[in-house]
Every structure is written in C-alpha cells, then in structure tokens.
C-alpha cells in the first residue's frame, strides 16, 4: 500500500494528481458532494462516487486524489469525534511537513 501525505489546504497545489489524507470540518454534504473547511481554514469541494454520510459541523478525515487547489476526488471518509482539535492537528501537519527526514513525503524503497 502506498503512503499518503497528510495535508492542509496550503499544501494542495504541490499534490495535484496525488492521493492524500485531509482533515476538516463538514460545511455542507448532499451525500456525493461535500464542502470542507480543512485544518488550516481553507475551503475545498470533495466529490464522491458513493454516498458518504457526514453531518454539517462533523470533523472528518478524507482519503482523496487532489484534482486542483480547491477540489478533491474522495475515496473514503472517516468521521471523528466532536472534540477533535483541528487547530492542534494543523500544527502537527505543519511540523511534520518541515521534518522531511523524519516524515518523508515520498515512500522509501524497501530495504533488502
């Protein structure tokens, strides 16, 4: 299984065409189209083939392919608890993105 980068909205431009994991708050959801406010406050649209259930204001993790800087093609959603701290999560994402030697953005080749 290929590793996926955890991203916030500011990182999407560098990940176009790649699969990522993003966390945010549901603004709207009609089942197949969701508007999210990502952990850094950046709004994105996520489209799904199958119906995904998540109520407005729910905190969710989305596995998706980045279409462009404001659009994701969703594959899966995990709903988090109501007390999930988006601000703290965003701080962790920013720290991890600066520490590429500890948290590589590309999967490492398997060692024999």
Protein backbone atom coordinates (compact mmCIF):
# COMPACT_ATOMS: atom_id res chain seq x y z
CA UNK A 1 0.00 0.00 0.00
CA UNK A 2 1.37 3.41 -0.98
CA UNK A 3 1.86 6.00 1.74
CA UNK A 4 -0.35 9.09 1.50
CA UNK A 5 0.70 12.53 2.64
CA UNK A 6 -1.36 14.28 5.28
CA UNK A 7 -2.10 17.77 4.01
CA UNK A 8 -3.87 21.00 4.77
CA UNK A 9 -5.19 23.46 2.18
CA UNK A 10 -1.91 25.32 1.74
CA UNK A 11 -0.24 22.10 0.54
CA UNK A 12 -2.75 21.07 -2.13
CA UNK A 13 -1.04 22.91 -5.01
CA UNK A 14 2.04 20.70 -4.62
CA UNK A 15 -0.03 17.49 -4.57
CA UNK A 16 -2.19 17.76 -7.72
CA UNK A 17 -2.78 14.26 -9.10
CA UNK A 18 -1.65 12.57 -5.88
CA UNK A 19 -3.62 10.69 -3.23
CA UNK A 20 -3.67 12.49 0.12
CA UNK A 21 -5.33 12.45 3.51
CA UNK A 22 -7.03 15.69 4.59
CA UNK A 23 -8.91 16.52 7.78
CA UNK A 24 -11.54 19.18 8.17
CA UNK A 25 -14.99 20.29 9.26
CA UNK A 26 -18.01 19.50 7.07
CA UNK A 27 -19.70 22.69 5.90
CA UNK A 28 -22.26 21.01 3.62
CA UNK A 29 -22.89 17.48 2.39
CA UNK A 30 -25.51 16.17 -0.03
CA UNK A 31 -24.07 12.64 0.07
CA UNK A 32 -21.92 12.79 -3.06
CA UNK A 33 -20.61 16.36 -2.81
CA UNK A 34 -19.12 17.73 0.37
CA UNK A 35 -17.72 21.16 1.24
CA UNK A 36 -14.99 21.04 3.87
CA UNK A 37 -13.04 23.60 5.80
CA UNK A 38 -9.63 21.97 6.11
CA UNK A 39 -7.50 22.17 9.24
CA UNK A 40 -5.95 25.50 8.14
CA UNK A 41 -9.36 27.05 7.35
CA UNK A 42 -9.02 26.51 3.59
CA UNK A 43 -12.36 25.56 1.92
CA UNK A 44 -12.43 22.67 -0.58
CA UNK A 45 -15.03 20.70 -2.51
CA UNK A 46 -14.91 16.91 -2.36
CA UNK A 47 -16.87 14.72 -4.77
CA UNK A 48 -17.56 11.03 -4.18
CA UNK A 49 -18.84 8.21 -6.39
CA UNK A 50 -20.68 6.56 -3.49
CA UNK A 51 -22.86 8.31 -0.91
CA UNK A 52 -20.86 9.41 2.14
CA UNK A 53 -22.65 10.25 5.34
CA UNK A 54 -21.35 13.08 7.49
CA UNK A 55 -23.44 15.83 9.05
CA UNK A 56 -22.58 19.53 8.87
CA UNK A 57 -20.03 20.54 11.54
CA UNK A 58 -18.73 16.96 11.80
CA UNK A 59 -14.94 16.53 11.83
CA UNK A 60 -13.84 14.12 9.10
CA UNK A 61 -10.76 12.58 7.54
CA UNK A 62 -10.95 12.25 3.76
CA UNK A 63 -8.81 9.99 1.60
CA UNK A 64 -8.81 11.63 -1.81
CA UNK A 65 -6.95 12.47 -5.01
CA UNK A 66 -6.13 16.16 -5.47
CA UNK A 67 -7.82 17.46 -8.65
CA UNK A 68 -6.73 21.08 -8.18
CA UNK A 69 -6.11 23.51 -5.32
CA UNK A 70 -9.80 23.65 -4.39
CA UNK A 71 -11.12 20.23 -5.44
CA UNK A 72 -10.62 16.68 -4.19
CA UNK A 73 -11.93 13.42 -5.62
CA UNK A 74 -12.89 11.50 -2.49
CA UNK A 75 -12.48 7.77 -1.94
CA UNK A 76 -13.28 7.32 1.76
CA UNK A 77 -14.42 9.30 4.79
CA UNK A 78 -13.87 8.67 8.49
CA UNK A 79 -15.94 10.70 10.94
CA UNK A 80 -14.07 11.82 14.05
CA UNK A 81 -15.44 12.70 17.48
CA UNK A 82 -16.91 16.16 18.07
CA UNK A 83 -13.99 17.19 20.27
CA UNK A 84 -11.32 16.65 17.57
CA UNK A 85 -8.94 19.64 17.70
CA UNK A 86 -8.40 20.91 14.14
CA UNK A 87 -6.01 23.65 15.26
CA UNK A 88 -3.73 21.19 17.06
CA UNK A 89 -3.92 18.79 14.10
CA UNK A 90 -2.92 21.59 11.73
CA UNK A 91 0.09 22.43 13.92
CA UNK A 92 1.16 18.77 13.75
CA UNK A 93 0.82 18.75 9.95
CA UNK A 94 2.96 21.88 9.65
CA UNK A 95 5.68 20.45 11.92
CA UNK A 96 5.71 17.14 10.04
CA UNK A 97 5.96 18.91 6.67
CA UNK A 98 9.14 20.71 7.82
CA UNK A 99 10.76 17.48 9.05
CA UNK A 100 11.12 15.53 5.80
CA UNK A 101 13.95 13.44 7.21
CA UNK A 102 11.62 12.13 9.94
CA UNK A 103 8.38 12.18 7.92
CA UNK A 104 9.27 11.63 4.25
CA UNK A 105 6.67 12.84 1.75
CA UNK A 106 7.54 10.05 -0.69
CA UNK A 107 7.58 6.36 0.25
CA UNK A 108 11.06 4.97 0.78
CA UNK A 109 12.21 1.98 -1.28
CA UNK A 110 12.11 -1.25 0.70
CA UNK A 111 15.47 -2.36 2.02
CA UNK A 112 16.57 -5.89 1.19
